[in-house]
C-alpha atoms as a PDB file:
ATOM      1  CA  MET A   1     -24.470  -4.607  14.505  1.00  0.00           C
ATOM      2  CA  ASN A   2     -26.852  -1.628  15.583  1.00  0.00           C
ATOM      3  CA  ARG A   3     -27.457  -1.827  19.264  1.00  0.00           C
ATOM      4  CA  THR A   4     -30.093   0.025  21.046  1.00  0.00           C
ATOM      5  CA  ALA A   5     -30.284   0.625  24.669  1.00  0.00           C
ATOM      6  CA  MET A   6     -32.675   2.525  26.849  1.00  0.00           C
ATOM      7  CA  ILE A   7     -31.633   4.193  30.202  1.00  0.00           C
ATOM      8  CA  LEU A   8     -34.697   4.225  32.727  1.00  0.00           C
ATOM      9  CA  ALA A   9     -33.964   7.752  34.159  1.00  0.00           C
ATOM     10  CA  ALA A  10     -37.437   8.777  35.059  1.00  0.00           C
ATOM     11  CA  GLY A  11     -37.610   7.785  38.622  1.00  0.00           C
ATOM     12  CA  LEU A  12     -38.421  10.135  41.513  1.00  0.00           C
ATOM     13  CA  GLY A  13     -35.539   9.152  43.735  1.00  0.00           C
ATOM     14  CA  THR A  14     -36.884   9.525  46.726  1.00  0.00           C
ATOM     15  CA  ARG A  15     -34.722   6.932  48.292  1.00  0.00           C
ATOM     16  CA  LEU A  16     -31.749   9.048  47.718  1.00  0.00           C
ATOM     17  CA  LYS A  17     -33.397  11.729  49.976  1.00  0.00           C
ATOM     18  CA  GLU A  18     -31.621  15.063  50.019  1.00  0.00           C
ATOM     19  CA  LEU A  19     -29.208  14.358  47.279  1.00  0.00           C
ATOM     20  CA  THR A  20     -32.625  14.456  44.877  1.00  0.00           C
ATOM     21  CA  HIS A  21     -33.794  17.622  46.323  1.00  0.00           C
ATOM     22  CA  ASP A  22     -32.836  19.969  43.294  1.00  0.00           C
ATOM     23  CA  ARG A  23     -31.911  17.182  40.483  1.00  0.00           C
ATOM     24  CA  PRO A  24     -33.136  14.126  39.082  1.00  0.00           C
ATOM     25  CA  LYS A  25     -31.391  10.808  40.263  1.00  0.00           C
ATOM     26  CA  ALA A  26     -29.715  10.311  37.024  1.00  0.00           C
ATOM     27  CA  LEU A  27     -27.743  13.515  37.533  1.00  0.00           C
ATOM     28  CA  VAL A  28     -26.580  12.866  40.976  1.00  0.00           C
ATOM     29  CA  GLU A  29     -22.397  12.538  40.926  1.00  0.00           C
ATOM     30  CA  VAL A  30     -20.557   9.613  42.268  1.00  0.00           C
ATOM     31  CA  ALA A  31     -16.960   9.519  42.266  1.00  0.00           C
ATOM     32  CA  GLY A  32     -16.939  12.598  39.904  1.00  0.00           C
ATOM     33  CA  LYS A  33     -19.438  11.783  37.366  1.00  0.00           C
ATOM     34  CA  THR A  34     -23.394  11.945  37.389  1.00  0.00           C
ATOM     35  CA  LEU A  35     -25.078   8.179  37.065  1.00  0.00           C
ATOM     36  CA  LEU A  36     -26.397   9.356  33.569  1.00  0.00           C
ATOM     37  CA  GLU A  37     -23.046  10.094  32.337  1.00  0.00           C
ATOM     38  CA  ARG A  38     -21.597   6.940  33.818  1.00  0.00           C
ATOM     39  CA  ASN A  39     -24.134   4.947  31.954  1.00  0.00           C
ATOM     40  CA  LEU A  40     -24.012   6.475  28.517  1.00  0.00           C
ATOM     41  CA  GLU A  41     -20.187   6.093  28.575  1.00  0.00           C
ATOM     42  CA  ASN A  42     -20.542   2.573  29.582  1.00  0.00           C
ATOM     43  CA  LEU A  43     -23.072   1.765  26.503  1.00  0.00           C
ATOM     44  CA  GLN A  44     -20.796   3.352  24.168  1.00  0.00           C
ATOM     45  CA  GLN A  45     -17.946   1.256  25.150  1.00  0.00           C
ATOM     46  CA  HIS A  46     -20.028  -1.550  24.536  1.00  0.00           C
ATOM     47  CA  GLY A  47     -21.084  -0.546  21.212  1.00  0.00           C
ATOM     48  CA  PHE A  48     -24.367   0.986  21.682  1.00  0.00           C
ATOM     49  CA  ASP A  49     -24.866   3.551  19.031  1.00  0.00           C
ATOM     50  CA  THR A  50     -28.998   4.251  19.869  1.00  0.00           C
ATOM     51  CA  ILE A  51     -29.779   5.145  23.033  1.00  0.00           C
ATOM     52  CA  ILE A  52     -33.102   6.208  24.589  1.00  0.00           C
ATOM     53  CA  VAL A  53     -33.464   8.059  27.875  1.00  0.00           C
ATOM     54  CA  ASN A  54     -36.725   8.819  29.732  1.00  0.00           C
ATOM     55  CA  ILE A  55     -37.177  11.466  31.932  1.00  0.00           C
ATOM     56  CA  HIS A  56     -39.993  13.135  34.492  1.00  0.00           C
ATOM     57  CA  HIS A  57     -38.559  14.295  37.704  1.00  0.00           C
ATOM     58  CA  PHE A  58     -36.543  17.382  37.109  1.00  0.00           C
ATOM     59  CA  GLY A  59     -36.697  16.194  33.382  1.00  0.00           C
ATOM     60  CA  GLU A  60     -35.371  19.676  31.933  1.00  0.00           C
ATOM     61  CA  GLN A  61     -32.091  19.165  34.031  1.00  0.00           C
ATOM     62  CA  ILE A  62     -31.398  16.133  31.709  1.00  0.00           C
ATOM     63  CA  ILE A  63     -32.635  17.514  28.824  1.00  0.00           C
ATOM     64  CA  GLN A  64     -30.116  20.195  29.239  1.00  0.00           C
ATOM     65  CA  PHE A  65     -27.409  17.916  30.016  1.00  0.00           C
ATOM     66  CA  LEU A  66     -27.574  15.809  27.132  1.00  0.00           C
ATOM     67  CA  GLU A  67     -27.707  19.155  24.926  1.00  0.00           C
ATOM     68  CA  SER A  68     -24.453  20.248  26.597  1.00  0.00           C
ATOM     69  CA  HIS A  69     -22.455  17.039  26.323  1.00  0.00           C
ATOM     70  CA  ASP A  70     -21.129  15.470  22.961  1.00  0.00           C
ATOM     71  CA  PHE A  71     -21.775  11.609  23.511  1.00  0.00           C
ATOM     72  CA  GLN A  72     -20.785   9.672  20.517  1.00  0.00           C
ATOM     73  CA  ALA A  73     -23.942   8.016  20.021  1.00  0.00           C
ATOM     74  CA  ASP A  74     -27.869   8.553  18.748  1.00  0.00           C
ATOM     75  CA  ILE A  75     -29.422   9.911  21.812  1.00  0.00           C
ATOM     76  CA  TYR A  76     -33.158  10.224  22.118  1.00  0.00           C
ATOM     77  CA  VAL A  77     -35.556  11.496  25.141  1.00  0.00           C
ATOM     78  CA  SER A  78     -38.680   9.506  25.710  1.00  0.00           C
ATOM     79  CA  ASP A  79     -40.894  12.674  27.794  1.00  0.00           C
ATOM     80  CA  GLU A  80     -42.971  11.504  30.785  1.00  0.00           C
ATOM     81  CA  ARG A  81     -43.289  14.754  32.243  1.00  0.00           C
ATOM     82  CA  GLY A  82     -46.765  14.647  31.937  1.00  0.00           C
ATOM     83  CA  ALA A  83     -47.073  11.347  33.785  1.00  0.00           C
ATOM     84  CA  LEU A  84     -44.658   8.694  35.095  1.00  0.00           C
ATOM     85  CA  MET A  85     -45.174   5.670  33.840  1.00  0.00           C
ATOM     86  CA  ASP A  86     -43.110   3.328  36.131  1.00  0.00           C
ATOM     87  CA  THR A  87     -40.682   0.845  34.562  1.00  0.00           C
ATOM     88  CA  GLY A  88     -42.852  -0.959  32.296  1.00  0.00           C
ATOM     89  CA  GLY A  89     -44.882   1.606  31.255  1.00  0.00           C
ATOM     90  CA  GLY A  90     -41.955   3.949  30.297  1.00  0.00           C
ATOM     91  CA  ILE A  91     -40.787   0.981  28.213  1.00  0.00           C
ATOM     92  CA  VAL A  92     -43.878   0.966  26.261  1.00  0.00           C
ATOM     93  CA  GLN A  93     -44.099   4.640  25.705  1.00  0.00           C
ATOM     94  CA  ALA A  94     -40.654   4.349  23.945  1.00  0.00           C
ATOM     95  CA  LEU A  95     -41.555   1.454  21.880  1.00  0.00           C
ATOM     96  CA  PRO A  96     -41.861   3.945  18.605  1.00  0.00           C
ATOM     97  CA  PHE A  97     -37.751   4.381  19.156  1.00  0.00           C
ATOM     98  CA  PHE A  98     -37.132   0.940  18.880  1.00  0.00           C
ATOM     99  CA  HIS A  99     -39.046   0.073  15.310  1.00  0.00           C
ATOM    100  CA  ASP A 100     -35.751  -0.821  13.335  1.00  0.00           C
ATOM    101  CA  ALA A 101     -34.014  -2.694  16.541  1.00  0.00           C
ATOM    102  CA  PRO A 102     -33.430  -6.476  16.578  1.00  0.00           C
ATOM    103  CA  ALA A 103     -33.585  -5.984  20.509  1.00  0.00           C
ATOM    104  CA  VAL A 104     -33.360  -3.289  23.243  1.00  0.00           C
ATOM    105  CA  LEU A 105     -31.287  -3.378  26.530  1.00  0.00           C
ATOM    106  CA  VAL A 106     -32.469  -1.782  29.257  1.00  0.00           C
ATOM    107  CA  HIS A 107     -30.657  -0.635  32.098  1.00  0.00           C
ATOM    108  CA  ASN A 108     -31.634   1.309  35.233  1.00  0.00           C
ATOM    109  CA  VAL A 109     -29.801   4.432  35.735  1.00  0.00           C
ATOM    110  CA  ASP A 110     -28.900   3.579  39.338  1.00  0.00           C
ATOM    111  CA  ILE A 111     -26.866   0.368  38.364  1.00  0.00           C
ATOM    112  CA  LEU A 112     -23.429   0.553  37.938  1.00  0.00           C
ATOM    113  CA  SER A 113     -21.427  -2.758  36.926  1.00  0.00           C
ATOM    114  CA  ASP A 114     -18.570  -4.050  34.397  1.00  0.00           C
ATOM    115  CA  VAL A 115     -21.064  -6.583  32.806  1.00  0.00           C
ATOM    116  CA  ASP A 116     -20.045  -7.215  29.133  1.00  0.00           C
ATOM    117  CA  LEU A 117     -23.378  -5.754  27.846  1.00  0.00           C
ATOM    118  CA  GLN A 118     -22.246  -6.079  24.246  1.00  0.00           C
ATOM    119  CA  ALA A 119     -22.111  -9.809  24.462  1.00  0.00           C
ATOM    120  CA  LYS A 120     -25.382 -10.268  26.252  1.00  0.00           C
ATOM    121  CA  TYR A 121     -27.125  -8.264  23.554  1.00  0.00           C
ATOM    122  CA  ASP A 122     -25.403  -9.820  20.684  1.00  0.00           C
ATOM    123  CA  GLN A 123     -25.693 -13.325  22.542  1.00  0.00           C
ATOM    124  CA  PHE A 124     -29.511 -12.472  22.894  1.00  0.00           C
ATOM    125  CA  VAL A 125     -30.250 -11.521  19.402  1.00  0.00           C
ATOM    126  CA  ALA A 126     -28.823 -14.818  18.176  1.00  0.00           C
ATOM    127  CA  SER A 127     -30.847 -16.993  20.639  1.00  0.00           C
ATOM    128  CA  GLN A 128     -34.662 -18.073  20.182  1.00  0.00           C
ATOM    129  CA  ASP A 129     -35.534 -16.101  23.771  1.00  0.00           C
ATOM    130  CA  ASP A 130     -38.173 -13.355  23.789  1.00  0.00           C
ATOM    131  CA  ALA A 131     -36.459 -11.504  26.869  1.00  0.00           C
ATOM    132  CA  TRP A 132     -33.358 -12.163  29.157  1.00  0.00           C
ATOM    133  CA  LEU A 133     -33.323 -10.789  32.584  1.00  0.00           C
ATOM    134  CA  LEU A 134     -29.980 -10.518  33.981  1.00  0.00           C
ATOM    135  CA  THR A 135     -29.653 -12.013  37.551  1.00  0.00           C
ATOM    136  CA  GLN A 136     -27.341 -13.105  40.504  1.00  0.00           C
ATOM    137  CA  ASP A 137     -27.764 -15.075  43.394  1.00  0.00           C
ATOM    138  CA  ARG A 138     -27.602 -12.226  46.228  1.00  0.00           C
ATOM    139  CA  ILE A 139     -29.627 -11.304  49.137  1.00  0.00           C
ATOM    140  CA  THR A 140     -32.843  -8.961  48.463  1.00  0.00           C
ATOM    141  CA  SER A 141     -36.064  -9.197  49.400  1.00  0.00           C
ATOM    142  CA  ARG A 142     -37.782  -9.482  46.187  1.00  0.00           C
ATOM    143  CA  LYS A 143     -36.909 -12.585  43.992  1.00  0.00           C
ATOM    144  CA  LEU A 144     -37.576 -13.654  40.584  1.00  0.00           C
ATOM    145  CA  LEU A 145     -38.627 -17.309  40.143  1.00  0.00           C
ATOM    146  CA  PHE A 146     -37.420 -19.687  37.537  1.00  0.00           C
ATOM    147  CA  ASP A 147     -37.934 -23.389  36.580  1.00  0.00           C
ATOM    148  CA  GLU A 148     -35.366 -25.947  35.628  1.00  0.00           C
ATOM    149  CA  GLN A 149     -34.960 -24.547  32.506  1.00  0.00           C
ATOM    150  CA  GLY A 150     -34.160 -20.945  33.550  1.00  0.00           C
ATOM    151  CA  LEU A 151     -37.618 -19.780  32.337  1.00  0.00           C
ATOM    152  CA  LEU A 152     -39.693 -17.228  34.487  1.00  0.00           C
ATOM    153  CA  ILE A 153     -42.630 -18.766  36.583  1.00  0.00           C
ATOM    154  CA  GLY A 154     -43.003 -16.299  39.308  1.00  0.00           C
ATOM    155  CA  TRP A 155     -42.072 -13.355  41.842  1.00  0.00           C
ATOM    156  CA  LYS A 156     -41.721 -13.589  45.765  1.00  0.00           C
ATOM    157  CA  ASN A 157     -41.715 -10.917  48.021  1.00  0.00           C
ATOM    158  CA  LEU A 158     -39.878 -12.385  51.139  1.00  0.00           C
ATOM    159  CA  LYS A 159     -40.825  -9.566  53.575  1.00  0.00           C
ATOM    160  CA  ASP A 160     -44.586 -10.462  53.602  1.00  0.00           C
ATOM    161  CA  ASP A 161     -44.144 -13.845  51.897  1.00  0.00           C
ATOM    162  CA  ALA A 162     -46.452 -12.763  48.829  1.00  0.00           C
ATOM    163  CA  TYR A 163     -46.183 -14.624  45.413  1.00  0.00           C
ATOM    164  CA  LYS A 164     -47.043 -13.893  41.789  1.00  0.00           C
ATOM    165  CA  TRP A 165     -47.272 -16.688  39.563  1.00  0.00           C
ATOM    166  CA  VAL A 166     -47.178 -17.071  35.723  1.00  0.00           C
ATOM    167  CA  ASP A 167     -49.250 -20.293  35.607  1.00  0.00           C
ATOM    168  CA  GLY A 168     -50.147 -21.650  38.787  1.00  0.00           C
ATOM    169  CA  ALA A 169     -48.028 -22.098  42.032  1.00  0.00           C
ATOM    170  CA  ARG A 170     -44.904 -24.389  41.834  1.00  0.00           C
ATOM    171  CA  ASP A 171     -43.011 -26.258  44.398  1.00  0.00           C
ATOM    172  CA  GLN A 172     -39.930 -26.551  42.958  1.00  0.00           C
ATOM    173  CA  TYR A 173     -38.255 -23.076  41.711  1.00  0.00           C
ATOM    174  CA  ARG A 174     -34.724 -21.280  41.779  1.00  0.00           C
ATOM    175  CA  GLU A 175     -35.183 -17.732  43.574  1.00  0.00           C
ATOM    176  CA  LEU A 176     -32.630 -15.130  42.160  1.00  0.00           C
ATOM    177  CA  ALA A 177     -32.344 -11.648  42.445  1.00  0.00           C
ATOM    178  CA  PHE A 178     -32.898  -9.053  39.219  1.00  0.00           C
ATOM    179  CA  ASN A 179     -30.224  -6.769  38.578  1.00  0.00           C
ATOM    180  CA  GLY A 180     -31.732  -4.027  36.981  1.00  0.00           C
ATOM    181  CA  MET A 181     -30.672  -5.097  33.473  1.00  0.00           C
ATOM    182  CA  HIS A 182     -32.710  -6.710  30.839  1.00  0.00           C
ATOM    183  CA  VAL A 183     -33.073  -7.505  26.911  1.00  0.00           C
ATOM    184  CA  PHE A 184     -36.288  -7.963  24.855  1.00  0.00           C
ATOM    185  CA  ARG A 185     -37.258  -7.868  21.416  1.00  0.00           C
ATOM    186  CA  PRO A 186     -39.614  -5.064  20.860  1.00  0.00           C
ATOM    187  CA  SER A 187     -42.565  -7.052  19.381  1.00  0.00           C
ATOM    188  CA  LEU A 188     -42.846  -8.619  23.092  1.00  0.00           C
ATOM    189  CA  PHE A 189     -44.674  -5.297  24.243  1.00  0.00           C
ATOM    190  CA  ALA A 190     -46.359  -3.622  21.294  1.00  0.00           C
ATOM    191  CA  GLU A 191     -49.741  -4.597  21.785  1.00  0.00           C
ATOM    192  CA  PHE A 192     -49.904  -2.889  25.028  1.00  0.00           C
ATOM    193  CA  PRO A 193     -51.414   0.411  25.370  1.00  0.00           C
ATOM    194  CA  TRP A 194     -49.634   3.453  26.794  1.00  0.00           C
ATOM    195  CA  GLN A 195     -50.346   3.315  30.423  1.00  0.00           C
ATOM    196  CA  ARG A 196     -48.469   2.739  33.716  1.00  0.00           C
ATOM    197  CA  TYR A 197     -47.003  -0.811  34.302  1.00  0.00           C
ATOM    198  CA  SER A 198     -44.182  -2.391  36.101  1.00  0.00           C
ATOM    199  CA  ILE A 199     -41.920  -4.137  34.095  1.00  0.00           C
ATOM    200  CA  ILE A 200     -42.030  -7.204  36.342  1.00  0.00           C
ATOM    201  CA  ASP A 201     -45.991  -7.495  36.012  1.00  0.00           C
ATOM    202  CA  LEU A 202     -45.435  -7.132  32.217  1.00  0.00           C
ATOM    203  CA  TYR A 203     -42.985  -9.944  31.955  1.00  0.00           C
ATOM    204  CA  LEU A 204     -44.769 -12.009  34.567  1.00  0.00           C
ATOM    205  CA  GLN A 205     -48.104 -11.616  31.902  1.00  0.00           C
ATOM    206  CA  GLN A 206     -45.889 -12.321  28.961  1.00  0.00           C
ATOM    207  CA  ALA A 207     -44.152 -15.298  30.277  1.00  0.00           C
ATOM    208  CA  ARG A 208     -47.356 -17.375  29.659  1.00  0.00           C
ATOM    209  CA  ALA A 209     -46.890 -17.426  26.098  1.00  0.00           C
ATOM    210  CA  TYR A 210     -43.239 -16.150  25.424  1.00  0.00           C
ATOM    211  CA  ARG A 211     -39.681 -17.198  26.706  1.00  0.00           C
ATOM    212  CA  ILE A 212     -38.705 -14.665  29.275  1.00  0.00           C
ATOM    213  CA  ARG A 213     -35.353 -16.608  30.622  1.00  0.00           C
ATOM    214  CA  SER A 214     -32.725 -15.794  33.503  1.00  0.00           C
ATOM    215  CA  VAL A 215     -29.423 -15.148  32.246  1.00  0.00           C
ATOM    216  CA  GLU A 216     -26.867 -15.238  35.504  1.00  0.00           C
ATOM    217  CA  ILE A 217     -23.934 -12.508  35.657  1.00  0.00           C
ATOM    218  CA  ASN A 218     -20.878 -12.823  37.774  1.00  0.00           C
ATOM    219  CA  PRO A 219     -19.366  -9.128  37.230  1.00  0.00           C
ATOM    220  CA  THR A 220     -16.483  -8.151  39.175  1.00  0.00           C
ATOM    221  CA  TYR A 221     -18.520  -5.221  40.522  1.00  0.00           C
ATOM    222  CA  TRP A 222     -22.240  -4.428  40.622  1.00  0.00           C
ATOM    223  CA  PHE A 223     -23.556  -1.529  42.266  1.00  0.00           C
ATOM    224  CA  ASP A 224     -27.292  -0.546  43.285  1.00  0.00           C
ATOM    225  CA  LEU A 225     -26.802   3.204  43.965  1.00  0.00           C
ATOM    226  CA  GLY A 226     -30.620   3.669  44.971  1.00  0.00           C
ATOM    227  CA  LYS A 227     -30.196   4.351  48.781  1.00  0.00           C
ATOM    228  CA  ALA A 228     -28.726   7.510  50.133  1.00  0.00           C
ATOM    229  CA  GLU A 229     -27.072   5.389  52.614  1.00  0.00           C
ATOM    230  CA  ASP A 230     -25.099   3.365  50.418  1.00  0.00           C
ATOM    231  CA  PHE A 231     -23.548   6.280  48.561  1.00  0.00           C
ATOM    232  CA  ALA A 232     -20.396   7.157  50.326  1.00  0.00           C
ATOM    233  CA  HIS A 233     -19.429   3.484  50.568  1.00  0.00           C
ATOM    234  CA  ILE A 234     -20.196   2.606  46.707  1.00  0.00           C
ATOM    235  CA  GLU A 235     -18.295   6.050  45.916  1.00  0.00           C
ATOM    236  CA  SER A 236     -15.217   4.943  47.961  1.00  0.00           C
ATOM    237  CA  GLN A 237     -15.222   1.347  46.122  1.00  0.00           C
ATOM    238  CA  LEU A 238     -15.498   3.346  42.894  1.00  0.00           C
ATOM    239  CA  LEU A 239     -12.284   5.347  43.575  1.00  0.00           C
ATOM    240  CA  THR A 240     -10.209   2.689  45.120  1.00  0.00           C
ATOM    241  CA  ALA A 241     -10.805   0.626  41.622  1.00  0.00           C
ATOM    242  CA  ASN A 242     -10.462   3.757  39.569  1.00  0.00           C
ATOM    243  CA  CYS A 243     -13.744   3.361  37.757  1.00  0.00           C
END
């Protein structure tokens, strides 16, 4: 099976503070390798042969990095240097790259894990669902809300007790944390015009008519390298695990 993935690498990386003063978040190094390199290698090892990388902040550095490395995959750049499209708009802009793909795995560049991405992709393609959101039961201030069948019904911000519902408020639901990885069928977002969107808002909108499902993961490790204060601790754990 040909497998297609997209790495979201266009973010400003403001939470990494001085680490992104002169480079994009994707090219920040952790344990001797850039986040982008780690994710590209991981996707290749899981059988992904077509990979799209979106760019914005210091985007030319990412282009130069890709040109100077021989990754064993077809890698394409979705250029957002003119306007940052956010996590959903970036995917909509990249849709022309996905026209032949049965599904697309999206992976945030600041997430590192040992999730079996190939298995999740193949299982999704064989399913009847329109998107899978990889989730965990972990502490975070923002949670996705799912019904008893595991289908997306809402979103909650625990800090200010704010909710967004797919089709009206519910009393019974399961709260789970989004893990920065998801799989979808390209037709799901085909009718959206190019503009800035949050991917969570797009999924909440599409969940009214499509099957957007939670798939819980239980990896040996899962790291979010979005904050500068977490970097040293995560780097130490990666080195200890020889990752």
